[in-house]
Amino acid sequence: MSKLGNIFTVYMNLYAFFFMFLYYYVKYSMVYLYMCMYFICNYVNILWFICNNYIIFYNFYAFLYVIN
């Protein structure tokens, strides 16, 4: 009976360790995913800003060329 109890407690400790590991893995992978998405979105916004400014300046220079 005590051997069965020991096996049971060992398995319960393994399950607890596994679920704790799973919980922290999901939590911190979400944090890393959020950070990666944040940096990717900033990068895309910067690229979009540069492209929009390029189009605006191109139109401005075309406008000046037409005026001249």
PDB file of N, CA and C in Angstrom:
ATOM      1  N   MET A   1       0.835  -1.210   0.000  1.00  0.00           N
ATOM      2  CA  MET A   1       0.000   0.000   0.000  1.00  0.00           C
ATOM      3  C   MET A   1       0.870   1.260   0.000  1.00  0.00           C
ATOM      4  N   SER A   2       1.925   1.245   0.813  1.00  0.00           N
ATOM      5  CA  SER A   2       2.787   2.427   0.869  1.00  0.00           C
ATOM      6  C   SER A   2       3.540   2.603  -0.454  1.00  0.00           C
ATOM      7  N   LYS A   3       3.887   1.447  -1.102  1.00  0.00           N
ATOM      8  CA  LYS A   3       4.558   1.542  -2.400  1.00  0.00           C
ATOM      9  C   LYS A   3       3.618   2.170  -3.431  1.00  0.00           C
ATOM     10  N   LEU A   4       2.362   1.745  -3.411  1.00  0.00           N
ATOM     11  CA  LEU A   4       1.378   2.327  -4.321  1.00  0.00           C
ATOM     12  C   LEU A   4       1.193   3.819  -4.032  1.00  0.00           C
ATOM     13  N   GLY A   5       1.174   4.191  -2.766  1.00  0.00           N
ATOM     14  CA  GLY A   5       1.063   5.602  -2.398  1.00  0.00           C
ATOM     15  C   GLY A   5       2.258   6.410  -2.887  1.00  0.00           C
ATOM     16  N   ASN A   6       3.451   5.802  -2.779  1.00  0.00           N
ATOM     17  CA  ASN A   6       4.645   6.502  -3.254  1.00  0.00           C
ATOM     18  C   ASN A   6       4.614   6.692  -4.760  1.00  0.00           C
ATOM     19  N   ILE A   7       4.198   5.645  -5.467  1.00  0.00           N
ATOM     20  CA  ILE A   7       4.091   5.762  -6.930  1.00  0.00           C
ATOM     21  C   ILE A   7       3.076   6.846  -7.284  1.00  0.00           C
ATOM     22  N   PHE A   8       1.960   6.861  -6.556  1.00  0.00           N
ATOM     23  CA  PHE A   8       0.918   7.849  -6.813  1.00  0.00           C
ATOM     24  C   PHE A   8       1.433   9.269  -6.585  1.00  0.00           C
ATOM     25  N   THR A   9       2.158   9.465  -5.472  1.00  0.00           N
ATOM     26  CA  THR A   9       2.673  10.811  -5.201  1.00  0.00           C
ATOM     27  C   THR A   9       3.730  11.210  -6.233  1.00  0.00           C
ATOM     28  N   VAL A  10       4.536  10.259  -6.685  1.00  0.00           N
ATOM     29  CA  VAL A  10       5.532  10.575  -7.711  1.00  0.00           C
ATOM     30  C   VAL A  10       4.840  11.007  -8.989  1.00  0.00           C
ATOM     31  N   TYR A  11       3.801  10.252  -9.391  1.00  0.00           N
ATOM     32  CA  TYR A  11       3.089  10.633 -10.600  1.00  0.00           C
ATOM     33  C   TYR A  11       2.378  11.970 -10.448  1.00  0.00           C
ATOM     34  N   MET A  12       1.823  12.207  -9.267  1.00  0.00           N
ATOM     35  CA  MET A  12       1.154  13.493  -9.069  1.00  0.00           C
ATOM     36  C   MET A  12       2.161  14.634  -9.110  1.00  0.00           C
ATOM     37  N   ASN A  13       3.350  14.419  -8.572  1.00  0.00           N
ATOM     38  CA  ASN A  13       4.380  15.450  -8.652  1.00  0.00           C
ATOM     39  C   ASN A  13       4.804  15.678 -10.100  1.00  0.00           C
ATOM     40  N   LEU A  14       4.911  14.605 -10.879  1.00  0.00           N
ATOM     41  CA  LEU A  14       5.272  14.763 -12.285  1.00  0.00           C
ATOM     42  C   LEU A  14       4.190  15.513 -13.044  1.00  0.00           C
ATOM     43  N   TYR A  15       2.924  15.162 -12.757  1.00  0.00           N
ATOM     44  CA  TYR A  15       1.841  15.879 -13.424  1.00  0.00           C
ATOM     45  C   TYR A  15       1.824  17.352 -13.029  1.00  0.00           C
ATOM     46  N   ALA A  16       2.055  17.621 -11.751  1.00  0.00           N
ATOM     47  CA  ALA A  16       2.062  19.016 -11.305  1.00  0.00           C
ATOM     48  C   ALA A  16       3.201  19.776 -11.984  1.00  0.00           C
ATOM     49  N   PHE A  17       4.378  19.144 -12.061  1.00  0.00           N
ATOM     50  CA  PHE A  17       5.516  19.789 -12.713  1.00  0.00           C
ATOM     51  C   PHE A  17       5.218  20.036 -14.193  1.00  0.00           C
ATOM     52  N   PHE A  18       4.594  19.021 -14.836  1.00  0.00           N
ATOM     53  CA  PHE A  18       4.285  19.144 -16.258  1.00  0.00           C
ATOM     54  C   PHE A  18       3.293  20.273 -16.504  1.00  0.00           C
ATOM     55  N   PHE A  19       2.239  20.341 -15.677  1.00  0.00           N
ATOM     56  CA  PHE A  19       1.248  21.391 -15.896  1.00  0.00           C
ATOM     57  C   PHE A  19       1.802  22.768 -15.559  1.00  0.00           C
ATOM     58  N   MET A  20       2.675  22.839 -14.550  1.00  0.00           N
ATOM     59  CA  MET A  20       3.310  24.121 -14.236  1.00  0.00           C
ATOM     60  C   MET A  20       4.200  24.559 -15.395  1.00  0.00           C
ATOM     61  N   PHE A  21       4.972  23.605 -15.942  1.00  0.00           N
ATOM     62  CA  PHE A  21       5.829  23.903 -17.094  1.00  0.00           C
ATOM     63  C   PHE A  21       4.986  24.357 -18.287  1.00  0.00           C
ATOM     64  N   LEU A  22       3.863  23.647 -18.509  1.00  0.00           N
ATOM     65  CA  LEU A  22       2.992  23.990 -19.626  1.00  0.00           C
ATOM     66  C   LEU A  22       2.406  25.391 -19.447  1.00  0.00           C
ATOM     67  N   TYR A  23       1.984  25.678 -18.216  1.00  0.00           N
ATOM     68  CA  TYR A  23       1.407  26.992 -17.932  1.00  0.00           C
ATOM     69  C   TYR A  23       2.419  28.101 -18.177  1.00  0.00           C
ATOM     70  N   TYR A  24       3.635  27.940 -17.635  1.00  0.00           N
ATOM     71  CA  TYR A  24       4.634  28.998 -17.831  1.00  0.00           C
ATOM     72  C   TYR A  24       5.084  29.083 -19.283  1.00  0.00           C
ATOM     73  N   TYR A  25       5.145  27.926 -19.974  1.00  0.00           N
ATOM     74  CA  TYR A  25       5.533  27.945 -21.383  1.00  0.00           C
ATOM     75  C   TYR A  25       4.509  28.721 -22.208  1.00  0.00           C
ATOM     76  N   VAL A  26       3.231  28.451 -21.986  1.00  0.00           N
ATOM     77  CA  VAL A  26       2.190  29.157 -22.726  1.00  0.00           C
ATOM     78  C   VAL A  26       2.212  30.634 -22.384  1.00  0.00           C
ATOM     79  N   LYS A  27       2.363  30.940 -21.088  1.00  0.00           N
ATOM     80  CA  LYS A  27       2.368  32.338 -20.655  1.00  0.00           C
ATOM     81  C   LYS A  27       3.513  33.102 -21.300  1.00  0.00           C
ATOM     82  N   TYR A  28       4.737  32.557 -21.192  1.00  0.00           N
ATOM     83  CA  TYR A  28       5.867  33.303 -21.725  1.00  0.00           C
ATOM     84  C   TYR A  28       5.939  33.242 -23.235  1.00  0.00           C
ATOM     85  N   SER A  29       5.409  32.184 -23.855  1.00  0.00           N
ATOM     86  CA  SER A  29       5.376  32.186 -25.309  1.00  0.00           C
ATOM     87  C   SER A  29       4.376  33.229 -25.800  1.00  0.00           C
ATOM     88  N   MET A  30       3.285  33.433 -25.059  1.00  0.00           N
ATOM     89  CA  MET A  30       2.367  34.509 -25.412  1.00  0.00           C
ATOM     90  C   MET A  30       3.052  35.861 -25.294  1.00  0.00           C
ATOM     91  N   VAL A  31       3.847  36.033 -24.234  1.00  0.00           N
ATOM     92  CA  VAL A  31       4.574  37.296 -24.063  1.00  0.00           C
ATOM     93  C   VAL A  31       5.532  37.509 -25.238  1.00  0.00           C
ATOM     94  N   TYR A  32       6.288  36.450 -25.595  1.00  0.00           N
ATOM     95  CA  TYR A  32       7.217  36.596 -26.714  1.00  0.00           C
ATOM     96  C   TYR A  32       6.485  36.833 -28.027  1.00  0.00           C
ATOM     97  N   LEU A  33       5.342  36.152 -28.199  1.00  0.00           N
ATOM     98  CA  LEU A  33       4.555  36.349 -29.415  1.00  0.00           C
ATOM     99  C   LEU A  33       4.050  37.782 -29.484  1.00  0.00           C
ATOM    100  N   TYR A  34       3.592  38.304 -28.341  1.00  0.00           N
ATOM    101  CA  TYR A  34       3.116  39.682 -28.296  1.00  0.00           C
ATOM    102  C   TYR A  34       4.240  40.654 -28.632  1.00  0.00           C
ATOM    103  N   MET A  35       5.425  40.419 -28.070  1.00  0.00           N
ATOM    104  CA  MET A  35       6.557  41.305 -28.358  1.00  0.00           C
ATOM    105  C   MET A  35       6.930  41.238 -29.831  1.00  0.00           C
ATOM    106  N   CYS A  36       6.942  40.037 -30.388  1.00  0.00           N
ATOM    107  CA  CYS A  36       7.280  39.901 -31.810  1.00  0.00           C
ATOM    108  C   CYS A  36       6.243  40.598 -32.680  1.00  0.00           C
ATOM    109  N   MET A  37       4.976  40.438 -32.335  1.00  0.00           N
ATOM    110  CA  MET A  37       3.940  41.111 -33.110  1.00  0.00           C
ATOM    111  C   MET A  37       4.073  42.627 -32.984  1.00  0.00           C
ATOM    112  N   TYR A  38       4.419  43.074 -31.766  1.00  0.00           N
ATOM    113  CA  TYR A  38       4.588  44.520 -31.559  1.00  0.00           C
ATOM    114  C   TYR A  38       5.701  45.063 -32.448  1.00  0.00           C
ATOM    115  N   PHE A  39       6.867  44.361 -32.458  1.00  0.00           N
ATOM    116  CA  PHE A  39       7.981  44.852 -33.266  1.00  0.00           C
ATOM    117  C   PHE A  39       7.678  44.743 -34.752  1.00  0.00           C
ATOM    118  N   ILE A  40       7.015  43.654 -35.154  1.00  0.00           N
ATOM    119  CA  ILE A  40       6.673  43.502 -36.578  1.00  0.00           C
ATOM    120  C   ILE A  40       5.700  44.595 -37.003  1.00  0.00           C
ATOM    121  N   CYS A  41       4.714  44.883 -36.157  1.00  0.00           N
ATOM    122  CA  CYS A  41       3.743  45.921 -36.512  1.00  0.00           C
ATOM    123  C   CYS A  41       4.410  47.294 -36.566  1.00  0.00           C
ATOM    124  N   ASN A  42       5.340  47.568 -35.642  1.00  0.00           N
ATOM    125  CA  ASN A  42       6.065  48.838 -35.714  1.00  0.00           C
ATOM    126  C   ASN A  42       6.873  48.926 -37.004  1.00  0.00           C
ATOM    127  N   TYR A  43       7.516  47.816 -37.373  1.00  0.00           N
ATOM    128  CA  TYR A  43       8.324  47.813 -38.581  1.00  0.00           C
ATOM    129  C   TYR A  43       7.448  48.058 -39.807  1.00  0.00           C
ATOM    130  N   VAL A  44       6.291  47.406 -39.844  1.00  0.00           N
ATOM    131  CA  VAL A  44       5.375  47.582 -40.976  1.00  0.00           C
ATOM    132  C   VAL A  44       4.845  49.011 -41.010  1.00  0.00           C
ATOM    133  N   ASN A  45       4.543  49.579 -39.831  1.00  0.00           N
ATOM    134  CA  ASN A  45       4.059  50.960 -39.807  1.00  0.00           C
ATOM    135  C   ASN A  45       5.134  51.926 -40.297  1.00  0.00           C
ATOM    136  N   ILE A  46       6.383  51.685 -39.914  1.00  0.00           N
ATOM    137  CA  ILE A  46       7.471  52.557 -40.368  1.00  0.00           C
ATOM    138  C   ILE A  46       7.634  52.445 -41.890  1.00  0.00           C
ATOM    139  N   LEU A  47       7.572  51.197 -42.394  1.00  0.00           N
ATOM    140  CA  LEU A  47       7.682  51.023 -43.848  1.00  0.00           C
ATOM    141  C   LEU A  47       6.526  51.696 -44.572  1.00  0.00           C
ATOM    142  N   TRP A  48       5.320  51.553 -44.003  1.00  0.00           N
ATOM    143  CA  TRP A  48       4.135  52.157 -44.616  1.00  0.00           C
ATOM    144  C   TRP A  48       4.263  53.680 -44.617  1.00  0.00           C
ATOM    145  N   PHE A  49       4.782  54.243 -43.501  1.00  0.00           N
ATOM    146  CA  PHE A  49       5.006  55.688 -43.401  1.00  0.00           C
ATOM    147  C   PHE A  49       6.003  56.158 -44.459  1.00  0.00           C
ATOM    148  N   ILE A  50       7.100  55.403 -44.621  1.00  0.00           N
ATOM    149  CA  ILE A  50       8.109  55.777 -45.611  1.00  0.00           C
ATOM    150  C   ILE A  50       7.521  55.721 -47.016  1.00  0.00           C
ATOM    151  N   CYS A  51       6.745  54.659 -47.300  1.00  0.00           N
ATOM    152  CA  CYS A  51       6.151  54.548 -48.642  1.00  0.00           C
ATOM    153  C   CYS A  51       5.154  55.672 -48.892  1.00  0.00           C
ATOM    154  N   ASN A  52       4.352  55.996 -47.888  1.00  0.00           N
ATOM    155  CA  ASN A  52       3.396  57.079 -48.071  1.00  0.00           C
ATOM    156  C   ASN A  52       4.104  58.412 -48.282  1.00  0.00           C
ATOM    157  N   ASN A  53       5.161  58.660 -47.523  1.00  0.00           N
ATOM    158  CA  ASN A  53       5.905  59.906 -47.717  1.00  0.00           C
ATOM    159  C   ASN A  53       6.563  59.936 -49.077  1.00  0.00           C
ATOM    160  N   TYR A  54       7.045  58.789 -49.540  1.00  0.00           N
ATOM    161  CA  TYR A  54       7.648  58.741 -50.869  1.00  0.00           C
ATOM    162  C   TYR A  54       6.610  59.112 -51.931  1.00  0.00           C
ATOM    163  N   ILE A  55       5.413  58.558 -51.804  1.00  0.00           N
ATOM    164  CA  ILE A  55       4.357  58.867 -52.775  1.00  0.00           C
ATOM    165  C   ILE A  55       3.991  60.352 -52.707  1.00  0.00           C
ATOM    166  N   ILE A  56       3.888  60.896 -51.501  1.00  0.00           N
ATOM    167  CA  ILE A  56       3.535  62.313 -51.342  1.00  0.00           C
ATOM    168  C   ILE A  56       4.620  63.202 -51.957  1.00  0.00           C
ATOM    169  N   PHE A  57       5.895  62.884 -51.647  1.00  0.00           N
ATOM    170  CA  PHE A  57       6.959  63.725 -52.200  1.00  0.00           C
ATOM    171  C   PHE A  57       7.057  63.565 -53.717  1.00  0.00           C
ATOM    172  N   TYR A  58       6.798  62.346 -54.199  1.00  0.00           N
ATOM    173  CA  TYR A  58       6.803  62.150 -55.652  1.00  0.00           C
ATOM    174  C   TYR A  58       5.715  62.998 -56.308  1.00  0.00           C
ATOM    175  N   ASN A  59       4.537  63.012 -55.720  1.00  0.00           N
ATOM    176  CA  ASN A  59       3.460  63.836 -56.269  1.00  0.00           C
ATOM    177  C   ASN A  59       3.808  65.317 -56.172  1.00  0.00           C
ATOM    178  N   PHE A  60       4.461  65.723 -55.083  1.00  0.00           N
ATOM    179  CA  PHE A  60       4.849  67.117 -54.901  1.00  0.00           C
ATOM    180  C   PHE A  60       5.847  67.538 -55.973  1.00  0.00           C
ATOM    181  N   TYR A  61       6.860  66.663 -56.216  1.00  0.00           N
ATOM    182  CA  TYR A  61       7.837  67.004 -57.241  1.00  0.00           C
ATOM    183  C   TYR A  61       7.215  67.002 -58.634  1.00  0.00           C
ATOM    184  N   ALA A  62       6.266  66.088 -58.865  1.00  0.00           N
ATOM    185  CA  ALA A  62       5.577  66.083 -60.161  1.00  0.00           C
ATOM    186  C   ALA A  62       4.766  67.360 -60.324  1.00  0.00           C
ATOM    187  N   PHE A  63       4.155  67.807 -59.211  1.00  0.00           N
ATOM    188  CA  PHE A  63       3.385  69.046 -59.230  1.00  0.00           C
ATOM    189  C   PHE A  63       4.291  70.244 -59.546  1.00  0.00           C
ATOM    190  N   LEU A  64       5.461  70.302 -58.911  1.00  0.00           N
ATOM    191  CA  LEU A  64       6.407  71.388 -59.198  1.00  0.00           C
ATOM    192  C   LEU A  64       6.877  71.333 -60.650  1.00  0.00           C
ATOM    193  N   TYR A  65       7.104  70.117 -61.129  1.00  0.00           N
ATOM    194  CA  TYR A  65       7.539  69.984 -62.523  1.00  0.00           C
ATOM    195  C   TYR A  65       6.450  70.475 -63.485  1.00  0.00           C
ATOM    196  N   VAL A  66       5.209  70.167 -63.173  1.00  0.00           N
ATOM    197  CA  VAL A  66       4.103  70.611 -64.021  1.00  0.00           C
ATOM    198  C   VAL A  66       3.968  72.128 -63.971  1.00  0.00           C
ATOM    199  N   ILE A  67       4.152  72.697 -62.783  1.00  0.00           N
ATOM    200  CA  ILE A  67       4.072  74.159 -62.657  1.00  0.00           C
ATOM    201  C   ILE A  67       5.164  74.828 -63.495  1.00  0.00           C
ATOM    202  N   ASN A  68       6.381  74.287 -63.419  1.00  0.00           N
ATOM    203  CA  ASN A  68       7.466  74.881 -64.180  1.00  0.00           C
ATOM    204  C   ASN A  68       7.271  74.615 -65.668  1.00  0.00           C
TER     205      ASN A  68
END
